[in-house]
Amino acid sequence: MRPAGATDWLGINGAACTAAAVALAALSSHAVQGPGQGQLHIAAALAFGHGVALAALSPATTRRLGRVALLVAYLGMLLFSGSLVFSVLAQWPTTLAPMGGMAMIAGWLLLAIDRARG
């Protein structure tokens, strides 16, 4: 449980990721052509969805398992979307994307377990 008055850094980062996702979508629509455009659209969509979810769910998620679940989903989104973005912008390999995808899935499954516990 978070202490009263503690900063909700997951919620803050979720909101920041949502803003970054909108900027990334604009970049992919206006500055990138070819296969990279699709990669950036996917990265933006996942960052947007996860950012909104983190910003909305984080304040009400107080149990340890729920907080860990959101953190795992957040880190997975960073790995997955970041891997796609750096692949397009810096020609890096997308080797971290599968790990990020698995982490996102694991995070949301952990949150489902946390919520099922009541």
PDB file of N, CA and C in Angstrom:
ATOM      1  N   MET A   1       0.830  -1.179   0.000  1.00  0.00           N
ATOM      2  CA  MET A   1       0.000   0.000   0.000  1.00  0.00           C
ATOM      3  C   MET A   1       0.881   1.252   0.000  1.00  0.00           C
ATOM      4  N   ARG A   2       0.508   2.214  -0.791  1.00  0.00           N
ATOM      5  CA  ARG A   2       1.257   3.471  -0.848  1.00  0.00           C
ATOM      6  C   ARG A   2       0.907   4.344   0.341  1.00  0.00           C
ATOM      7  N   PRO A   3       1.897   5.017   0.904  1.00  0.00           N
ATOM      8  CA  PRO A   3       1.589   5.955   1.987  1.00  0.00           C
ATOM      9  C   PRO A   3       0.753   7.124   1.466  1.00  0.00           C
ATOM     10  N   ALA A   4      -0.054   7.681   2.342  1.00  0.00           N
ATOM     11  CA  ALA A   4      -0.868   8.849   1.962  1.00  0.00           C
ATOM     12  C   ALA A   4       0.050   9.967   1.487  1.00  0.00           C
ATOM     13  N   GLY A   5      -0.334  10.602   0.414  1.00  0.00           N
ATOM     14  CA  GLY A   5       0.438  11.715  -0.118  1.00  0.00           C
ATOM     15  C   GLY A   5       1.611  11.305  -0.994  1.00  0.00           C
ATOM     16  N   ALA A   6       1.839   9.983  -1.163  1.00  0.00           N
ATOM     17  CA  ALA A   6       2.954   9.527  -1.992  1.00  0.00           C
ATOM     18  C   ALA A   6       2.664   9.850  -3.456  1.00  0.00           C
ATOM     19  N   THR A   7       3.688  10.163  -4.184  1.00  0.00           N
ATOM     20  CA  THR A   7       3.551  10.473  -5.602  1.00  0.00           C
ATOM     21  C   THR A   7       3.231   9.204  -6.377  1.00  0.00           C
ATOM     22  N   ASP A   8       2.273   9.277  -7.260  1.00  0.00           N
ATOM     23  CA  ASP A   8       1.889   8.143  -8.091  1.00  0.00           C
ATOM     24  C   ASP A   8       2.736   8.159  -9.359  1.00  0.00           C
ATOM     25  N   TRP A   9       3.982   7.686  -9.245  1.00  0.00           N
ATOM     26  CA  TRP A   9       4.904   7.783 -10.376  1.00  0.00           C
ATOM     27  C   TRP A   9       4.478   6.897 -11.538  1.00  0.00           C
ATOM     28  N   LEU A  10       3.793   5.783 -11.290  1.00  0.00           N
ATOM     29  CA  LEU A  10       3.305   4.978 -12.411  1.00  0.00           C
ATOM     30  C   LEU A  10       2.233   5.734 -13.194  1.00  0.00           C
ATOM     31  N   GLY A  11       1.335   6.402 -12.484  1.00  0.00           N
ATOM     32  CA  GLY A  11       0.306   7.197 -13.150  1.00  0.00           C
ATOM     33  C   GLY A  11       0.897   8.365 -13.924  1.00  0.00           C
ATOM     34  N   ILE A  12       1.889   9.006 -13.331  1.00  0.00           N
ATOM     35  CA  ILE A  12       2.568  10.123 -14.005  1.00  0.00           C
ATOM     36  C   ILE A  12       3.259   9.637 -15.267  1.00  0.00           C
ATOM     37  N   ASN A  13       3.970   8.513 -15.171  1.00  0.00           N
ATOM     38  CA  ASN A  13       4.654   7.967 -16.347  1.00  0.00           C
ATOM     39  C   ASN A  13       3.657   7.488 -17.397  1.00  0.00           C
ATOM     40  N   GLY A  14       2.529   6.968 -16.950  1.00  0.00           N
ATOM     41  CA  GLY A  14       1.494   6.564 -17.901  1.00  0.00           C
ATOM     42  C   GLY A  14       0.989   7.753 -18.703  1.00  0.00           C
ATOM     43  N   ALA A  15       0.725   8.854 -18.009  1.00  0.00           N
ATOM     44  CA  ALA A  15       0.268  10.063 -18.704  1.00  0.00           C
ATOM     45  C   ALA A  15       1.344  10.586 -19.660  1.00  0.00           C
ATOM     46  N   ALA A  16       2.600  10.545 -19.227  1.00  0.00           N
ATOM     47  CA  ALA A  16       3.695  11.000 -20.090  1.00  0.00           C
ATOM     48  C   ALA A  16       3.840  10.091 -21.320  1.00  0.00           C
ATOM     49  N   CYS A  17       3.657   8.778 -21.129  1.00  0.00           N
ATOM     50  CA  CYS A  17       3.721   7.855 -22.266  1.00  0.00           C
ATOM     51  C   CYS A  17       2.596   8.110 -23.246  1.00  0.00           C
ATOM     52  N   THR A  18       1.438   8.487 -22.735  1.00  0.00           N
ATOM     53  CA  THR A  18       0.312   8.792 -23.617  1.00  0.00           C
ATOM     54  C   THR A  18       0.630  10.017 -24.472  1.00  0.00           C
ATOM     55  N   ALA A  19       1.209  11.036 -23.853  1.00  0.00           N
ATOM     56  CA  ALA A  19       1.604  12.220 -24.621  1.00  0.00           C
ATOM     57  C   ALA A  19       2.668  11.861 -25.659  1.00  0.00           C
ATOM     58  N   ALA A  20       3.642  11.060 -25.263  1.00  0.00           N
ATOM     59  CA  ALA A  20       4.691  10.644 -26.198  1.00  0.00           C
ATOM     60  C   ALA A  20       4.101   9.825 -27.343  1.00  0.00           C
ATOM     61  N   ALA A  21       3.087   9.016 -27.039  1.00  0.00           N
ATOM     62  CA  ALA A  21       2.450   8.205 -28.078  1.00  0.00           C
ATOM     63  C   ALA A  21       1.762   9.071 -29.124  1.00  0.00           C
ATOM     64  N   VAL A  22       1.124  10.138 -28.693  1.00  0.00           N
ATOM     65  CA  VAL A  22       0.474  11.049 -29.647  1.00  0.00           C
ATOM     66  C   VAL A  22       1.535  11.694 -30.541  1.00  0.00           C
ATOM     67  N   ALA A  23       2.636  12.121 -29.945  1.00  0.00           N
ATOM     68  CA  ALA A  23       3.730  12.702 -30.733  1.00  0.00           C
ATOM     69  C   ALA A  23       4.314  11.671 -31.692  1.00  0.00           C
ATOM     70  N   LEU A  24       4.446  10.437 -31.228  1.00  0.00           N
ATOM     71  CA  LEU A  24       4.978   9.369 -32.071  1.00  0.00           C
ATOM     72  C   LEU A  24       4.037   9.067 -33.240  1.00  0.00           C
ATOM     73  N   ALA A  25       2.742   9.097 -32.982  1.00  0.00           N
ATOM     74  CA  ALA A  25       1.770   8.893 -34.068  1.00  0.00           C
ATOM     75  C   ALA A  25       1.882  10.012 -35.106  1.00  0.00           C
ATOM     76  N   ALA A  26       2.065  11.237 -34.646  1.00  0.00           N
ATOM     77  CA  ALA A  26       2.235  12.356 -35.584  1.00  0.00           C
ATOM     78  C   ALA A  26       3.517  12.179 -36.398  1.00  0.00           C
ATOM     79  N   LEU A  27       4.589  11.763 -35.732  1.00  0.00           N
ATOM     80  CA  LEU A  27       5.855  11.531 -36.425  1.00  0.00           C
ATOM     81  C   LEU A  27       5.674  10.459 -37.500  1.00  0.00           C
ATOM     82  N   SER A  28       5.015   9.374 -37.125  1.00  0.00           N
ATOM     83  CA  SER A  28       4.854   8.279 -38.086  1.00  0.00           C
ATOM     84  C   SER A  28       3.954   8.679 -39.249  1.00  0.00           C
ATOM     85  N   SER A  29       3.010   9.553 -39.009  1.00  0.00           N
ATOM     86  CA  SER A  29       2.099   9.969 -40.074  1.00  0.00           C
ATOM     87  C   SER A  29       2.700  10.998 -41.018  1.00  0.00           C
ATOM     88  N   HIS A  30       3.600  11.814 -40.499  1.00  0.00           N
ATOM     89  CA  HIS A  30       4.090  12.945 -41.292  1.00  0.00           C
ATOM     90  C   HIS A  30       5.557  12.870 -41.705  1.00  0.00           C
ATOM     91  N   ALA A  31       6.355  12.041 -41.035  1.00  0.00           N
ATOM     92  CA  ALA A  31       7.789  12.091 -41.311  1.00  0.00           C
ATOM     93  C   ALA A  31       8.389  10.753 -41.738  1.00  0.00           C
ATOM     94  N   VAL A  32       7.630   9.683 -41.679  1.00  0.00           N
ATOM     95  CA  VAL A  32       8.189   8.367 -41.991  1.00  0.00           C
ATOM     96  C   VAL A  32       7.342   7.707 -43.072  1.00  0.00           C
ATOM     97  N   GLN A  33       8.007   7.086 -44.019  1.00  0.00           N
ATOM     98  CA  GLN A  33       7.339   6.362 -45.097  1.00  0.00           C
ATOM     99  C   GLN A  33       7.821   4.912 -45.084  1.00  0.00           C
ATOM    100  N   GLY A  34       7.085   4.043 -45.726  1.00  0.00           N
ATOM    101  CA  GLY A  34       7.499   2.648 -45.868  1.00  0.00           C
ATOM    102  C   GLY A  34       7.172   1.813 -44.646  1.00  0.00           C
ATOM    103  N   PRO A  35       7.865   0.683 -44.503  1.00  0.00           N
ATOM    104  CA  PRO A  35       7.559  -0.254 -43.423  1.00  0.00           C
ATOM    105  C   PRO A  35       7.757   0.344 -42.023  1.00  0.00           C
ATOM    106  N   GLY A  36       8.657   1.285 -41.903  1.00  0.00           N
ATOM    107  CA  GLY A  36       8.886   1.931 -40.610  1.00  0.00           C
ATOM    108  C   GLY A  36       7.658   2.658 -40.102  1.00  0.00           C
ATOM    109  N   GLN A  37       6.843   3.144 -41.011  1.00  0.00           N
ATOM    110  CA  GLN A  37       5.628   3.862 -40.620  1.00  0.00           C
ATOM    111  C   GLN A  37       4.689   2.934 -39.849  1.00  0.00           C
ATOM    112  N   GLY A  38       4.534   1.723 -40.325  1.00  0.00           N
ATOM    113  CA  GLY A  38       3.682   0.751 -39.646  1.00  0.00           C
ATOM    114  C   GLY A  38       4.226   0.389 -38.272  1.00  0.00           C
ATOM    115  N   GLN A  39       5.544   0.234 -38.180  1.00  0.00           N
ATOM    116  CA  GLN A  39       6.160  -0.077 -36.886  1.00  0.00           C
ATOM    117  C   GLN A  39       5.908   1.040 -35.880  1.00  0.00           C
ATOM    118  N   LEU A  40       6.044   2.276 -36.331  1.00  0.00           N
ATOM    119  CA  LEU A  40       5.813   3.398 -35.425  1.00  0.00           C
ATOM    120  C   LEU A  40       4.346   3.507 -35.025  1.00  0.00           C
ATOM    121  N   HIS A  41       3.450   3.184 -35.949  1.00  0.00           N
ATOM    122  CA  HIS A  41       2.019   3.192 -35.602  1.00  0.00           C
ATOM    123  C   HIS A  41       1.720   2.159 -34.511  1.00  0.00           C
ATOM    124  N   ILE A  42       2.293   0.966 -34.630  1.00  0.00           N
ATOM    125  CA  ILE A  42       2.090  -0.073 -33.613  1.00  0.00           C
ATOM    126  C   ILE A  42       2.681   0.374 -32.280  1.00  0.00           C
ATOM    127  N   ALA A  43       3.885   0.918 -32.315  1.00  0.00           N
ATOM    128  CA  ALA A  43       4.519   1.400 -31.080  1.00  0.00           C
ATOM    129  C   ALA A  43       3.673   2.485 -30.426  1.00  0.00           C
ATOM    130  N   ALA A  44       3.151   3.403 -31.231  1.00  0.00           N
ATOM    131  CA  ALA A  44       2.317   4.485 -30.698  1.00  0.00           C
ATOM    132  C   ALA A  44       1.022   3.946 -30.113  1.00  0.00           C
ATOM    133  N   ALA A  45       0.387   3.014 -30.804  1.00  0.00           N
ATOM    134  CA  ALA A  45      -0.890   2.459 -30.318  1.00  0.00           C
ATOM    135  C   ALA A  45      -0.705   1.752 -28.981  1.00  0.00           C
ATOM    136  N   LEU A  46       0.337   0.944 -28.871  1.00  0.00           N
ATOM    137  CA  LEU A  46       0.566   0.231 -27.610  1.00  0.00           C
ATOM    138  C   LEU A  46       0.980   1.186 -26.498  1.00  0.00           C
ATOM    139  N   ALA A  47       1.796   2.166 -26.809  1.00  0.00           N
ATOM    140  CA  ALA A  47       2.190   3.141 -25.791  1.00  0.00           C
ATOM    141  C   ALA A  47       0.983   3.957 -25.336  1.00  0.00           C
ATOM    142  N   PHE A  48       0.118   4.316 -26.263  1.00  0.00           N
ATOM    143  CA  PHE A  48      -1.067   5.089 -25.910  1.00  0.00           C
ATOM    144  C   PHE A  48      -1.994   4.280 -25.008  1.00  0.00           C
ATOM    145  N   GLY A  49      -2.309   3.069 -25.431  1.00  0.00           N
ATOM    146  CA  GLY A  49      -3.210   2.233 -24.648  1.00  0.00           C
ATOM    147  C   GLY A  49      -2.680   1.926 -23.265  1.00  0.00           C
ATOM    148  N   HIS A  50      -1.415   1.585 -23.189  1.00  0.00           N
ATOM    149  CA  HIS A  50      -0.820   1.282 -21.887  1.00  0.00           C
ATOM    150  C   HIS A  50      -0.685   2.538 -21.031  1.00  0.00           C
ATOM    151  N   GLY A  51      -0.365   3.650 -21.656  1.00  0.00           N
ATOM    152  CA  GLY A  51      -0.262   4.901 -20.903  1.00  0.00           C
ATOM    153  C   GLY A  51      -1.582   5.299 -20.278  1.00  0.00           C
ATOM    154  N   VAL A  52      -2.653   5.231 -21.058  1.00  0.00           N
ATOM    155  CA  VAL A  52      -3.979   5.563 -20.535  1.00  0.00           C
ATOM    156  C   VAL A  52      -4.350   4.601 -19.410  1.00  0.00           C
ATOM    157  N   ALA A  53      -4.117   3.312 -19.624  1.00  0.00           N
ATOM    158  CA  ALA A  53      -4.449   2.319 -18.599  1.00  0.00           C
ATOM    159  C   ALA A  53      -3.658   2.570 -17.314  1.00  0.00           C
ATOM    160  N   LEU A  54      -2.377   2.849 -17.436  1.00  0.00           N
ATOM    161  CA  LEU A  54      -1.564   3.113 -16.245  1.00  0.00           C
ATOM    162  C   LEU A  54      -2.035   4.365 -15.516  1.00  0.00           C
ATOM    163  N   ALA A  55      -2.309   5.408 -16.264  1.00  0.00           N
ATOM    164  CA  ALA A  55      -2.763   6.651 -15.636  1.00  0.00           C
ATOM    165  C   ALA A  55      -4.097   6.444 -14.924  1.00  0.00           C
ATOM    166  N   ALA A  56      -4.978   5.639 -15.502  1.00  0.00           N
ATOM    167  CA  ALA A  56      -6.294   5.420 -14.910  1.00  0.00           C
ATOM    168  C   ALA A  56      -6.274   4.414 -13.768  1.00  0.00           C
ATOM    169  N   LEU A  57      -5.519   3.342 -13.920  1.00  0.00           N
ATOM    170  CA  LEU A  57      -5.543   2.258 -12.939  1.00  0.00           C
ATOM    171  C   LEU A  57      -4.599   2.464 -11.756  1.00  0.00           C
ATOM    172  N   SER A  58      -3.519   3.153 -11.980  1.00  0.00           N
ATOM    173  CA  SER A  58      -2.502   3.268 -10.936  1.00  0.00           C
ATOM    174  C   SER A  58      -3.010   3.867  -9.623  1.00  0.00           C
ATOM    175  N   PRO A  59      -3.782   4.948  -9.643  1.00  0.00           N
ATOM    176  CA  PRO A  59      -4.216   5.516  -8.363  1.00  0.00           C
ATOM    177  C   PRO A  59      -5.052   4.551  -7.515  1.00  0.00           C
ATOM    178  N   ALA A  60      -5.812   3.670  -8.162  1.00  0.00           N
ATOM    179  CA  ALA A  60      -6.690   2.763  -7.427  1.00  0.00           C
ATOM    180  C   ALA A  60      -6.042   1.404  -7.141  1.00  0.00           C
ATOM    181  N   THR A  61      -4.823   1.203  -7.616  1.00  0.00           N
ATOM    182  CA  THR A  61      -4.142  -0.081  -7.416  1.00  0.00           C
ATOM    183  C   THR A  61      -3.160   0.076  -6.269  1.00  0.00           C
ATOM    184  N   THR A  62      -3.514  -0.503  -5.134  1.00  0.00           N
ATOM    185  CA  THR A  62      -2.716  -0.286  -3.927  1.00  0.00           C
ATOM    186  C   THR A  62      -2.021  -1.544  -3.405  1.00  0.00           C
ATOM    187  N   ARG A  63      -2.531  -2.724  -3.754  1.00  0.00           N
ATOM    188  CA  ARG A  63      -1.884  -3.948  -3.259  1.00  0.00           C
ATOM    189  C   ARG A  63      -0.592  -4.198  -4.014  1.00  0.00           C
ATOM    190  N   ARG A  64       0.321  -4.872  -3.350  1.00  0.00           N
ATOM    191  CA  ARG A  64       1.651  -5.120  -3.927  1.00  0.00           C
ATOM    192  C   ARG A  64       1.578  -5.829  -5.276  1.00  0.00           C
ATOM    193  N   LEU A  65       0.795  -6.901  -5.393  1.00  0.00           N
ATOM    194  CA  LEU A  65       0.714  -7.635  -6.655  1.00  0.00           C
ATOM    195  C   LEU A  65       0.199  -6.739  -7.777  1.00  0.00           C
ATOM    196  N   GLY A  66      -0.802  -5.938  -7.490  1.00  0.00           N
ATOM    197  CA  GLY A  66      -1.333  -5.024  -8.501  1.00  0.00           C
ATOM    198  C   GLY A  66      -0.308  -3.999  -8.947  1.00  0.00           C
ATOM    199  N   ARG A  67       0.455  -3.469  -8.004  1.00  0.00           N
ATOM    200  CA  ARG A  67       1.487  -2.480  -8.351  1.00  0.00           C
ATOM    201  C   ARG A  67       2.595  -3.137  -9.185  1.00  0.00           C
ATOM    202  N   VAL A  68       2.990  -4.351  -8.794  1.00  0.00           N
ATOM    203  CA  VAL A  68       4.004  -5.078  -9.568  1.00  0.00           C
ATOM    204  C   VAL A  68       3.471  -5.357 -10.972  1.00  0.00           C
ATOM    205  N   ALA A  69       2.207  -5.744 -11.071  1.00  0.00           N
ATOM    206  CA  ALA A  69       1.599  -6.022 -12.370  1.00  0.00           C
ATOM    207  C   ALA A  69       1.669  -4.805 -13.286  1.00  0.00           C
ATOM    208  N   LEU A  70       1.296  -3.650 -12.756  1.00  0.00           N
ATOM    209  CA  LEU A  70       1.346  -2.428 -13.567  1.00  0.00           C
ATOM    210  C   LEU A  70       2.776  -2.070 -13.948  1.00  0.00           C
ATOM    211  N   LEU A  71       3.710  -2.281 -13.038  1.00  0.00           N
ATOM    212  CA  LEU A  71       5.112  -2.005 -13.339  1.00  0.00           C
ATOM    213  C   LEU A  71       5.616  -2.920 -14.447  1.00  0.00           C
ATOM    214  N   VAL A  72       5.279  -4.201 -14.391  1.00  0.00           N
ATOM    215  CA  VAL A  72       5.703  -5.151 -15.421  1.00  0.00           C
ATOM    216  C   VAL A  72       5.093  -4.764 -16.774  1.00  0.00           C
ATOM    217  N   ALA A  73       3.813  -4.399 -16.788  1.00  0.00           N
ATOM    218  CA  ALA A  73       3.168  -3.969 -18.038  1.00  0.00           C
ATOM    219  C   ALA A  73       3.848  -2.706 -18.580  1.00  0.00           C
ATOM    220  N   TYR A  74       4.172  -1.771 -17.695  1.00  0.00           N
ATOM    221  CA  TYR A  74       4.842  -0.520 -18.090  1.00  0.00           C
ATOM    222  C   TYR A  74       6.221  -0.802 -18.685  1.00  0.00           C
ATOM    223  N   LEU A  75       6.997  -1.621 -17.994  1.00  0.00           N
ATOM    224  CA  LEU A  75       8.332  -1.950 -18.502  1.00  0.00           C
ATOM    225  C   LEU A  75       8.246  -2.705 -19.828  1.00  0.00           C
ATOM    226  N   GLY A  76       7.266  -3.592 -19.948  1.00  0.00           N
ATOM    227  CA  GLY A  76       7.069  -4.299 -21.208  1.00  0.00           C
ATOM    228  C   GLY A  76       6.741  -3.353 -22.347  1.00  0.00           C
ATOM    229  N   MET A  77       5.888  -2.369 -22.065  1.00  0.00           N
ATOM    230  CA  MET A  77       5.546  -1.386 -23.091  1.00  0.00           C
ATOM    231  C   MET A  77       6.777  -0.588 -23.502  1.00  0.00           C
ATOM    232  N   LEU A  78       7.590  -0.211 -22.523  1.00  0.00           N
ATOM    233  CA  LEU A  78       8.816   0.528 -22.854  1.00  0.00           C
ATOM    234  C   LEU A  78       9.744  -0.316 -23.732  1.00  0.00           C
ATOM    235  N   LEU A  79       9.908  -1.584 -23.375  1.00  0.00           N
ATOM    236  CA  LEU A  79      10.782  -2.458 -24.169  1.00  0.00           C
ATOM    237  C   LEU A  79      10.221  -2.681 -25.573  1.00  0.00           C
ATOM    238  N   PHE A  80       8.927  -2.990 -25.659  1.00  0.00           N
ATOM    239  CA  PHE A  80       8.336  -3.293 -26.959  1.00  0.00           C
ATOM    240  C   PHE A  80       8.300  -2.057 -27.855  1.00  0.00           C
ATOM    241  N   SER A  81       7.650  -1.013 -27.372  1.00  0.00           N
ATOM    242  CA  SER A  81       7.530   0.196 -28.190  1.00  0.00           C
ATOM    243  C   SER A  81       8.894   0.819 -28.449  1.00  0.00           C
ATOM    244  N   GLY A  82       9.731   0.859 -27.428  1.00  0.00           N
ATOM    245  CA  GLY A  82      11.076   1.419 -27.596  1.00  0.00           C
ATOM    246  C   GLY A  82      11.883   0.666 -28.631  1.00  0.00           C
ATOM    247  N   SER A  83      11.768  -0.651 -28.629  1.00  0.00           N
ATOM    248  CA  SER A  83      12.486  -1.462 -29.606  1.00  0.00           C
ATOM    249  C   SER A  83      12.043  -1.128 -31.027  1.00  0.00           C
ATOM    250  N   LEU A  84      10.731  -0.971 -31.220  1.00  0.00           N
ATOM    251  CA  LEU A  84      10.234  -0.621 -32.557  1.00  0.00           C
ATOM    252  C   LEU A  84      10.667   0.785 -32.972  1.00  0.00           C
ATOM    253  N   VAL A  85      10.577   1.720 -32.035  1.00  0.00           N
ATOM    254  CA  VAL A  85      10.956   3.104 -32.348  1.00  0.00           C
ATOM    255  C   VAL A  85      12.433   3.195 -32.708  1.00  0.00           C
ATOM    256  N   PHE A  86      13.290   2.589 -31.893  1.00  0.00           N
ATOM    257  CA  PHE A  86      14.730   2.670 -32.174  1.00  0.00           C
ATOM    258  C   PHE A  86      15.108   1.871 -33.411  1.00  0.00           C
ATOM    259  N   SER A  87      14.314   0.871 -33.754  1.00  0.00           N
ATOM    260  CA  SER A  87      14.551   0.140 -34.994  1.00  0.00           C
ATOM    261  C   SER A  87      14.371   1.061 -36.201  1.00  0.00           C
ATOM    262  N   VAL A  88      13.332   1.887 -36.137  1.00  0.00           N
ATOM    263  CA  VAL A  88      13.039   2.793 -37.256  1.00  0.00           C
ATOM    264  C   VAL A  88      13.986   3.996 -37.260  1.00  0.00           C
ATOM    265  N   LEU A  89      14.159   4.611 -36.100  1.00  0.00           N
ATOM    266  CA  LEU A  89      14.916   5.866 -36.044  1.00  0.00           C
ATOM    267  C   LEU A  89      16.429   5.696 -35.985  1.00  0.00           C
ATOM    268  N   ALA A  90      16.904   4.562 -35.441  1.00  0.00           N
ATOM    269  CA  ALA A  90      18.354   4.384 -35.285  1.00  0.00           C
ATOM    270  C   ALA A  90      18.858   3.086 -35.904  1.00  0.00           C
ATOM    271  N   GLN A  91      17.970   2.379 -36.618  1.00  0.00           N
ATOM    272  CA  GLN A  91      18.314   1.118 -37.258  1.00  0.00           C
ATOM    273  C   GLN A  91      18.869   0.072 -36.274  1.00  0.00           C
ATOM    274  N   TRP A  92      18.351   0.076 -35.051  1.00  0.00           N
ATOM    275  CA  TRP A  92      18.711  -0.946 -34.069  1.00  0.00           C
ATOM    276  C   TRP A  92      17.859  -2.173 -34.306  1.00  0.00           C
ATOM    277  N   PRO A  93      18.332  -3.344 -33.901  1.00  0.00           N
ATOM    278  CA  PRO A  93      17.498  -4.544 -34.053  1.00  0.00           C
ATOM    279  C   PRO A  93      16.322  -4.520 -33.061  1.00  0.00           C
ATOM    280  N   THR A  94      15.295  -5.255 -33.380  1.00  0.00           N
ATOM    281  CA  THR A  94      14.108  -5.302 -32.518  1.00  0.00           C
ATOM    282  C   THR A  94      14.172  -6.477 -31.539  1.00  0.00           C
ATOM    283  N   THR A  95      15.348  -6.809 -31.084  1.00  0.00           N
ATOM    284  CA  THR A  95      15.517  -7.994 -30.242  1.00  0.00           C
ATOM    285  C   THR A  95      14.811  -7.883 -28.890  1.00  0.00           C
ATOM    286  N   LEU A  96      14.523  -6.690 -28.424  1.00  0.00           N
ATOM    287  CA  LEU A  96      13.843  -6.538 -27.137  1.00  0.00           C
ATOM    288  C   LEU A  96      12.325  -6.575 -27.254  1.00  0.00           C
ATOM    289  N   ALA A  97      11.808  -6.480 -28.465  1.00  0.00           N
ATOM    290  CA  ALA A  97      10.357  -6.450 -28.651  1.00  0.00           C
ATOM    291  C   ALA A  97       9.657  -7.710 -28.129  1.00  0.00           C
ATOM    292  N   PRO A  98      10.138  -8.915 -28.424  1.00  0.00           N
ATOM    293  CA  PRO A  98       9.442 -10.096 -27.899  1.00  0.00           C
ATOM    294  C   PRO A  98       9.419 -10.143 -26.368  1.00  0.00           C
ATOM    295  N   MET A  99      10.516  -9.759 -25.738  1.00  0.00           N
ATOM    296  CA  MET A  99      10.557  -9.725 -24.281  1.00  0.00           C
ATOM    297  C   MET A  99       9.562  -8.698 -23.742  1.00  0.00           C
ATOM    298  N   GLY A 100       9.478  -7.569 -24.406  1.00  0.00           N
ATOM    299  CA  GLY A 100       8.517  -6.547 -24.007  1.00  0.00           C
ATOM    300  C   GLY A 100       7.090  -7.015 -24.168  1.00  0.00           C
ATOM    301  N   GLY A 101       6.800  -7.688 -25.261  1.00  0.00           N
ATOM    302  CA  GLY A 101       5.462  -8.215 -25.484  1.00  0.00           C
ATOM    303  C   GLY A 101       5.074  -9.232 -24.416  1.00  0.00           C
ATOM    304  N   MET A 102       6.005 -10.116 -24.078  1.00  0.00           N
ATOM    305  CA  MET A 102       5.723 -11.103 -23.025  1.00  0.00           C
ATOM    306  C   MET A 102       5.522 -10.424 -21.676  1.00  0.00           C
ATOM    307  N   ALA A 103       6.284  -9.375 -21.416  1.00  0.00           N
ATOM    308  CA  ALA A 103       6.130  -8.656 -20.151  1.00  0.00           C
ATOM    309  C   ALA A 103       4.774  -7.949 -20.082  1.00  0.00           C
ATOM    310  N   MET A 104       4.324  -7.373 -21.199  1.00  0.00           N
ATOM    311  CA  MET A 104       3.009  -6.731 -21.199  1.00  0.00           C
ATOM    312  C   MET A 104       1.919  -7.763 -20.900  1.00  0.00           C
ATOM    313  N   ILE A 105       1.989  -8.900 -21.561  1.00  0.00           N
ATOM    314  CA  ILE A 105       1.000  -9.956 -21.324  1.00  0.00           C
ATOM    315  C   ILE A 105       1.048 -10.400 -19.868  1.00  0.00           C
ATOM    316  N   ALA A 106       2.246 -10.632 -19.353  1.00  0.00           N
ATOM    317  CA  ALA A 106       2.394 -11.079 -17.961  1.00  0.00           C
ATOM    318  C   ALA A 106       1.852 -10.038 -16.987  1.00  0.00           C
ATOM    319  N   GLY A 107       2.131  -8.780 -17.243  1.00  0.00           N
ATOM    320  CA  GLY A 107       1.654  -7.716 -16.364  1.00  0.00           C
ATOM    321  C   GLY A 107       0.141  -7.678 -16.284  1.00  0.00           C
ATOM    322  N   TRP A 108      -0.524  -7.785 -17.430  1.00  0.00           N
ATOM    323  CA  TRP A 108      -1.988  -7.729 -17.422  1.00  0.00           C
ATOM    324  C   TRP A 108      -2.587  -8.990 -16.811  1.00  0.00           C
ATOM    325  N   LEU A 109      -1.934 -10.139 -16.996  1.00  0.00           N
ATOM    326  CA  LEU A 109      -2.411 -11.362 -16.335  1.00  0.00           C
ATOM    327  C   LEU A 109      -2.241 -11.262 -14.814  1.00  0.00           C
ATOM    328  N   LEU A 110      -1.120 -10.694 -14.373  1.00  0.00           N
ATOM    329  CA  LEU A 110      -0.926 -10.488 -12.932  1.00  0.00           C
ATOM    330  C   LEU A 110      -1.969  -9.538 -12.363  1.00  0.00           C
ATOM    331  N   LEU A 111      -2.318  -8.511 -13.130  1.00  0.00           N
ATOM    332  CA  LEU A 111      -3.342  -7.585 -12.648  1.00  0.00           C
ATOM    333  C   LEU A 111      -4.696  -8.303 -12.564  1.00  0.00           C
ATOM    334  N   ALA A 112      -4.973  -9.177 -13.525  1.00  0.00           N
ATOM    335  CA  ALA A 112      -6.223  -9.950 -13.466  1.00  0.00           C
ATOM    336  C   ALA A 112      -6.257 -10.821 -12.218  1.00  0.00           C
ATOM    337  N   ILE A 113      -5.132 -11.431 -11.873  1.00  0.00           N
ATOM    338  CA  ILE A 113      -5.056 -12.249 -10.650  1.00  0.00           C
ATOM    339  C   ILE A 113      -5.270 -11.374  -9.429  1.00  0.00           C
ATOM    340  N   ASP A 114      -4.633 -10.216  -9.409  1.00  0.00           N
ATOM    341  CA  ASP A 114      -4.802  -9.290  -8.286  1.00  0.00           C
ATOM    342  C   ASP A 114      -6.263  -8.890  -8.134  1.00  0.00           C
ATOM    343  N   ARG A 115      -6.910  -8.551  -9.243  1.00  0.00           N
ATOM    344  CA  ARG A 115      -8.313  -8.126  -9.180  1.00  0.00           C
ATOM    345  C   ARG A 115      -9.233  -9.292  -8.796  1.00  0.00           C
ATOM    346  N   ALA A 116      -8.898 -10.516  -9.228  1.00  0.00           N
ATOM    347  CA  ALA A 116      -9.713 -11.676  -8.896  1.00  0.00           C
ATOM    348  C   ALA A 116      -9.664 -11.992  -7.396  1.00  0.00           C
ATOM    349  N   ARG A 117      -8.587 -11.606  -6.751  1.00  0.00           N
ATOM    350  CA  ARG A 117      -8.453 -11.836  -5.307  1.00  0.00           C
ATOM    351  C   ARG A 117      -9.334 -10.894  -4.501  1.00  0.00           C
ATOM    352  N   GLY A 118      -9.896  -9.916  -5.168  1.00  0.00           N
ATOM    353  CA  GLY A 118     -10.794  -8.998  -4.470  1.00  0.00           C
ATOM    354  C   GLY A 118     -10.105  -7.801  -4.056  1.00  0.00           C
TER     355      GLY A 118
END
